[in-house]
C-alpha atoms as a PDB file:
ATOM      1  CA  UNK A   1      13.428  31.653  33.528  1.00  0.00           C
ATOM      2  CA  UNK A   2      16.173  30.560  35.906  1.00  0.00           C
ATOM      3  CA  UNK A   3      14.952  27.044  36.458  1.00  0.00           C
ATOM      4  CA  UNK A   4      14.723  26.965  32.290  1.00  0.00           C
ATOM      5  CA  UNK A   5      18.189  27.580  32.085  1.00  0.00           C
ATOM      6  CA  UNK A   6      19.186  25.218  35.514  1.00  0.00           C
ATOM      7  CA  UNK A   7      17.224  22.394  33.524  1.00  0.00           C
ATOM      8  CA  UNK A   8      18.944  23.698  30.038  1.00  0.00           C
ATOM      9  CA  UNK A   9      22.452  23.273  31.871  1.00  0.00           C
ATOM     10  CA  UNK A  10      21.509  20.041  32.892  1.00  0.00           C
ATOM     11  CA  UNK A  11      19.544  17.906  29.839  1.00  0.00           C
ATOM     12  CA  UNK A  12      22.032  19.217  26.973  1.00  0.00           C
ATOM     13  CA  UNK A  13      24.897  16.783  28.470  1.00  0.00           C
ATOM     14  CA  UNK A  14      22.690  14.085  28.969  1.00  0.00           C
ATOM     15  CA  UNK A  15      20.912  14.590  24.982  1.00  0.00           C
ATOM     16  CA  UNK A  16      24.585  15.193  23.659  1.00  0.00           C
ATOM     17  CA  UNK A  17      25.759  12.175  25.498  1.00  0.00           C
ATOM     18  CA  UNK A  18      23.083   9.941  24.099  1.00  0.00           C
ATOM     19  CA  UNK A  19      23.547  11.199  20.854  1.00  0.00           C
ATOM     20  CA  UNK A  20      26.615  10.055  20.416  1.00  0.00           C
ATOM     21  CA  UNK A  21      25.843   6.067  21.544  1.00  0.00           C
ATOM     22  CA  UNK A  22      22.942   6.407  18.629  1.00  0.00           C
ATOM     23  CA  UNK A  23      26.015   7.466  16.027  1.00  0.00           C
ATOM     24  CA  UNK A  24      27.853   4.658  17.247  1.00  0.00           C
ATOM     25  CA  UNK A  25      25.616   1.459  16.709  1.00  0.00           C
ATOM     26  CA  UNK A  26      26.237   1.894  13.147  1.00  0.00           C
ATOM     27  CA  UNK A  27      29.485   0.893  12.793  1.00  0.00           C
ATOM     28  CA  UNK A  28      29.524  -1.636  10.820  1.00  0.00           C
ATOM     29  CA  UNK A  29      32.936  -3.363  11.512  1.00  0.00           C
ATOM     30  CA  UNK A  30      30.860  -4.035  15.518  1.00  0.00           C
ATOM     31  CA  UNK A  31      28.846  -6.658  14.020  1.00  0.00           C
ATOM     32  CA  UNK A  32      30.015  -7.429  10.271  1.00  0.00           C
ATOM     33  CA  UNK A  33      32.783  -8.988   8.914  1.00  0.00           C
ATOM     34  CA  UNK A  34      34.930  -7.412   6.276  1.00  0.00           C
ATOM     35  CA  UNK A  35      37.013 -10.445   5.566  1.00  0.00           C
ATOM     36  CA  UNK A  36      33.692 -12.920   4.924  1.00  0.00           C
ATOM     37  CA  UNK A  37      32.384 -11.941   2.275  1.00  0.00           C
ATOM     38  CA  UNK A  38      28.884 -14.223   1.086  1.00  0.00           C
ATOM     39  CA  UNK A  39      26.297 -13.929  -1.855  1.00  0.00           C
ATOM     40  CA  UNK A  40      22.751 -15.423  -0.803  1.00  0.00           C
ATOM     41  CA  UNK A  41      20.468 -17.019  -3.058  1.00  0.00           C
ATOM     42  CA  UNK A  42      17.120 -17.629  -1.674  1.00  0.00           C
ATOM     43  CA  UNK A  43      13.940 -16.375  -1.340  1.00  0.00           C
ATOM     44  CA  UNK A  44      11.802 -13.570   0.428  1.00  0.00           C
ATOM     45  CA  UNK A  45      10.442 -15.055   3.459  1.00  0.00           C
ATOM     46  CA  UNK A  46       9.893 -11.923   5.483  1.00  0.00           C
ATOM     47  CA  UNK A  47      10.580  -8.244   4.786  1.00  0.00           C
ATOM     48  CA  UNK A  48      10.838  -5.517   7.963  1.00  0.00           C
ATOM     49  CA  UNK A  49      10.306  -1.562   6.648  1.00  0.00           C
ATOM     50  CA  UNK A  50      12.127   0.089   9.640  1.00  0.00           C
ATOM     51  CA  UNK A  51      14.439   2.548  10.947  1.00  0.00           C
ATOM     52  CA  UNK A  52      16.767   2.460  11.842  1.00  0.00           C
ATOM     53  CA  UNK A  53      18.082  -0.570   9.319  1.00  0.00           C
ATOM     54  CA  UNK A  54      15.701  -2.009   6.849  1.00  0.00           C
ATOM     55  CA  UNK A  55      15.776  -6.123   7.474  1.00  0.00           C
ATOM     56  CA  UNK A  56      15.444  -8.633   4.738  1.00  0.00           C
ATOM     57  CA  UNK A  57      14.690 -12.154   5.632  1.00  0.00           C
ATOM     58  CA  UNK A  58      15.600 -14.882   2.964  1.00  0.00           C
ATOM     59  CA  UNK A  59      15.408 -18.737   3.015  1.00  0.00           C
ATOM     60  CA  UNK A  60      18.616 -20.081   1.449  1.00  0.00           C
ATOM     61  CA  UNK A  61      19.103 -23.725   0.597  1.00  0.00           C
ATOM     62  CA  UNK A  62      22.236 -24.793   2.873  1.00  0.00           C
ATOM     63  CA  UNK A  63      24.556 -27.822   2.885  1.00  0.00           C
ATOM     64  CA  UNK A  64      21.953 -30.742   2.464  1.00  0.00           C
ATOM     65  CA  UNK A  65      19.398 -28.993   1.409  1.00  0.00           C
ATOM     66  CA  UNK A  66      17.781 -27.975   4.556  1.00  0.00           C
ATOM     67  CA  UNK A  67      16.658 -24.686   4.191  1.00  0.00           C
ATOM     68  CA  UNK A  68      18.488 -21.695   6.424  1.00  0.00           C
ATOM     69  CA  UNK A  69      17.177 -18.661   7.094  1.00  0.00           C
ATOM     70  CA  UNK A  70      19.526 -15.623   6.824  1.00  0.00           C
ATOM     71  CA  UNK A  71      18.199 -11.978   8.049  1.00  0.00           C
ATOM     72  CA  UNK A  72      20.073  -9.009   5.820  1.00  0.00           C
ATOM     73  CA  UNK A  73      20.388  -5.411   7.148  1.00  0.00           C
ATOM     74  CA  UNK A  74      20.206  -3.216   4.432  1.00  0.00           C
ATOM     75  CA  UNK A  75      20.208   0.657   4.758  1.00  0.00           C
ATOM     76  CA  UNK A  76      17.083   2.912   5.867  1.00  0.00           C
ATOM     77  CA  UNK A  77      13.940   2.854   4.692  1.00  0.00           C
ATOM     78  CA  UNK A  78      14.877   6.029   2.557  1.00  0.00           C
ATOM     79  CA  UNK A  79      17.928   5.230   1.284  1.00  0.00           C
ATOM     80  CA  UNK A  80      16.609   2.316   0.239  1.00  0.00           C
ATOM     81  CA  UNK A  81      13.319   3.834  -1.570  1.00  0.00           C
ATOM     82  CA  UNK A  82      15.968   6.351  -3.633  1.00  0.00           C
ATOM     83  CA  UNK A  83      17.902   3.417  -4.370  1.00  0.00           C
ATOM     84  CA  UNK A  84      14.553   1.794  -6.294  1.00  0.00           C
ATOM     85  CA  UNK A  85      13.677  -0.231  -3.622  1.00  0.00           C
ATOM     86  CA  UNK A  86      10.677  -0.260  -2.255  1.00  0.00           C
ATOM     87  CA  UNK A  87       8.746  -2.377   0.857  1.00  0.00           C
ATOM     88  CA  UNK A  88       6.447  -4.006  -2.600  1.00  0.00           C
ATOM     89  CA  UNK A  89       9.225  -4.700  -4.843  1.00  0.00           C
ATOM     90  CA  UNK A  90       9.764  -7.178  -2.513  1.00  0.00           C
ATOM     91  CA  UNK A  91       6.596  -9.994  -2.674  1.00  0.00           C
ATOM     92  CA  UNK A  92       6.931 -12.659  -0.215  1.00  0.00           C
ATOM     93  CA  UNK A  93       8.298 -15.868  -1.936  1.00  0.00           C
ATOM     94  CA  UNK A  94      10.185 -13.735  -4.691  1.00  0.00           C
ATOM     95  CA  UNK A  95      13.769 -15.066  -5.381  1.00  0.00           C
ATOM     96  CA  UNK A  96      16.583 -12.961  -5.220  1.00  0.00           C
ATOM     97  CA  UNK A  97      20.305 -12.841  -4.624  1.00  0.00           C
ATOM     98  CA  UNK A  98      22.220 -10.592  -2.268  1.00  0.00           C
ATOM     99  CA  UNK A  99      26.221 -10.342  -1.806  1.00  0.00           C
ATOM    100  CA  UNK A 100      27.151  -8.795   1.279  1.00  0.00           C
ATOM    101  CA  UNK A 101      29.382  -9.588   4.359  1.00  0.00           C
ATOM    102  CA  UNK A 102      28.357 -12.007   7.032  1.00  0.00           C
ATOM    103  CA  UNK A 103      28.143 -11.357  10.841  1.00  0.00           C
ATOM    104  CA  UNK A 104      30.714 -12.230  13.306  1.00  0.00           C
ATOM    105  CA  UNK A 105      28.524 -13.652  15.335  1.00  0.00           C
ATOM    106  CA  UNK A 106      28.184 -17.186  13.242  1.00  0.00           C
ATOM    107  CA  UNK A 107      25.834 -18.688  15.980  1.00  0.00           C
ATOM    108  CA  UNK A 108      22.703 -18.324  13.202  1.00  0.00           C
ATOM    109  CA  UNK A 109      20.165 -17.893  16.191  1.00  0.00           C
ATOM    110  CA  UNK A 110      17.579 -17.466  15.606  1.00  0.00           C
ATOM    111  CA  UNK A 111      19.039 -16.527  11.925  1.00  0.00           C
ATOM    112  CA  UNK A 112      21.899 -16.386  10.098  1.00  0.00           C
ATOM    113  CA  UNK A 113      22.827 -12.758   9.779  1.00  0.00           C
ATOM    114  CA  UNK A 114      24.787 -10.577   7.359  1.00  0.00           C
ATOM    115  CA  UNK A 115      25.332  -6.624   5.840  1.00  0.00           C
ATOM    116  CA  UNK A 116      23.854  -6.293   2.347  1.00  0.00           C
ATOM    117  CA  UNK A 117      26.162  -4.208  -0.457  1.00  0.00           C
ATOM    118  CA  UNK A 118      23.788  -5.226  -3.328  1.00  0.00           C
ATOM    119  CA  UNK A 119      20.861  -6.931  -4.595  1.00  0.00           C
ATOM    120  CA  UNK A 120      19.823  -8.687  -7.333  1.00  0.00           C
ATOM    121  CA  UNK A 121      16.316  -9.156  -8.686  1.00  0.00           C
ATOM    122  CA  UNK A 122      14.949 -12.371 -10.999  1.00  0.00           C
ATOM    123  CA  UNK A 123      15.264  -9.998 -13.841  1.00  0.00           C
ATOM    124  CA  UNK A 124      18.789  -9.310 -13.390  1.00  0.00           C
ATOM    125  CA  UNK A 125      18.213  -5.723 -11.871  1.00  0.00           C
ATOM    126  CA  UNK A 126      20.841  -4.935  -9.715  1.00  0.00           C
ATOM    127  CA  UNK A 127      20.878  -2.117  -6.651  1.00  0.00           C
ATOM    128  CA  UNK A 128      22.944  -1.089  -4.116  1.00  0.00           C
ATOM    129  CA  UNK A 129      20.950  -1.882  -0.778  1.00  0.00           C
ATOM    130  CA  UNK A 130      23.574  -0.437   1.572  1.00  0.00           C
ATOM    131  CA  UNK A 131      24.516   2.561   3.935  1.00  0.00           C
ATOM    132  CA  UNK A 132      27.395   4.713   3.176  1.00  0.00           C
ATOM    133  CA  UNK A 133      29.846   5.913   5.383  1.00  0.00           C
ATOM    134  CA  UNK A 134      29.167   3.382   7.815  1.00  0.00           C
ATOM    135  CA  UNK A 135      32.545   1.834   7.474  1.00  0.00           C
ATOM    136  CA  UNK A 136      31.299  -1.071   4.986  1.00  0.00           C
ATOM    137  CA  UNK A 137      34.522  -1.379   2.623  1.00  0.00           C
ATOM    138  CA  UNK A 138      34.332   0.260  -0.493  1.00  0.00           C
ATOM    139  CA  UNK A 139      33.862  -3.105  -2.466  1.00  0.00           C
ATOM    140  CA  UNK A 140      32.549  -1.072  -5.733  1.00  0.00           C
ATOM    141  CA  UNK A 141      28.917  -1.694  -4.963  1.00  0.00           C
ATOM    142  CA  UNK A 142      28.103   2.111  -3.724  1.00  0.00           C
ATOM    143  CA  UNK A 143      27.565   4.285  -6.556  1.00  0.00           C
ATOM    144  CA  UNK A 144      28.475   7.016  -4.125  1.00  0.00           C
ATOM    145  CA  UNK A 145      31.873   5.772  -3.865  1.00  0.00           C
ATOM    146  CA  UNK A 146      35.238   7.596  -6.060  1.00  0.00           C
END
């Protein structure tokens, strides 16, 4: 019994420290630039339906007609499901438009990155694809913002 109490006293601060770090990685301003809005229109080349954030890979026609790959961060898979986006609603080869914010790191290696705010399907349907409460700008795309 004494060993269990000792382990709890030692492990509790470690777990609390690790959970604080996990929370910190969700800050919008750590990776994305609120002053660099971007609108991307392209073809879906890959969808990563993973936690903590889903990623949509788009091939966008860049300057000179060459294809540029963008990785667009969305909310969690659960958030996207509640917004009406599921893995099968973004088939490879489908054309979409995403409005969001560019990453602070502009190197585009292996791909350019952006945080997605809203997604427009080819049929005109618009859905919010971001995460609330991450420090992203209140730009009117999040239906929970007032």
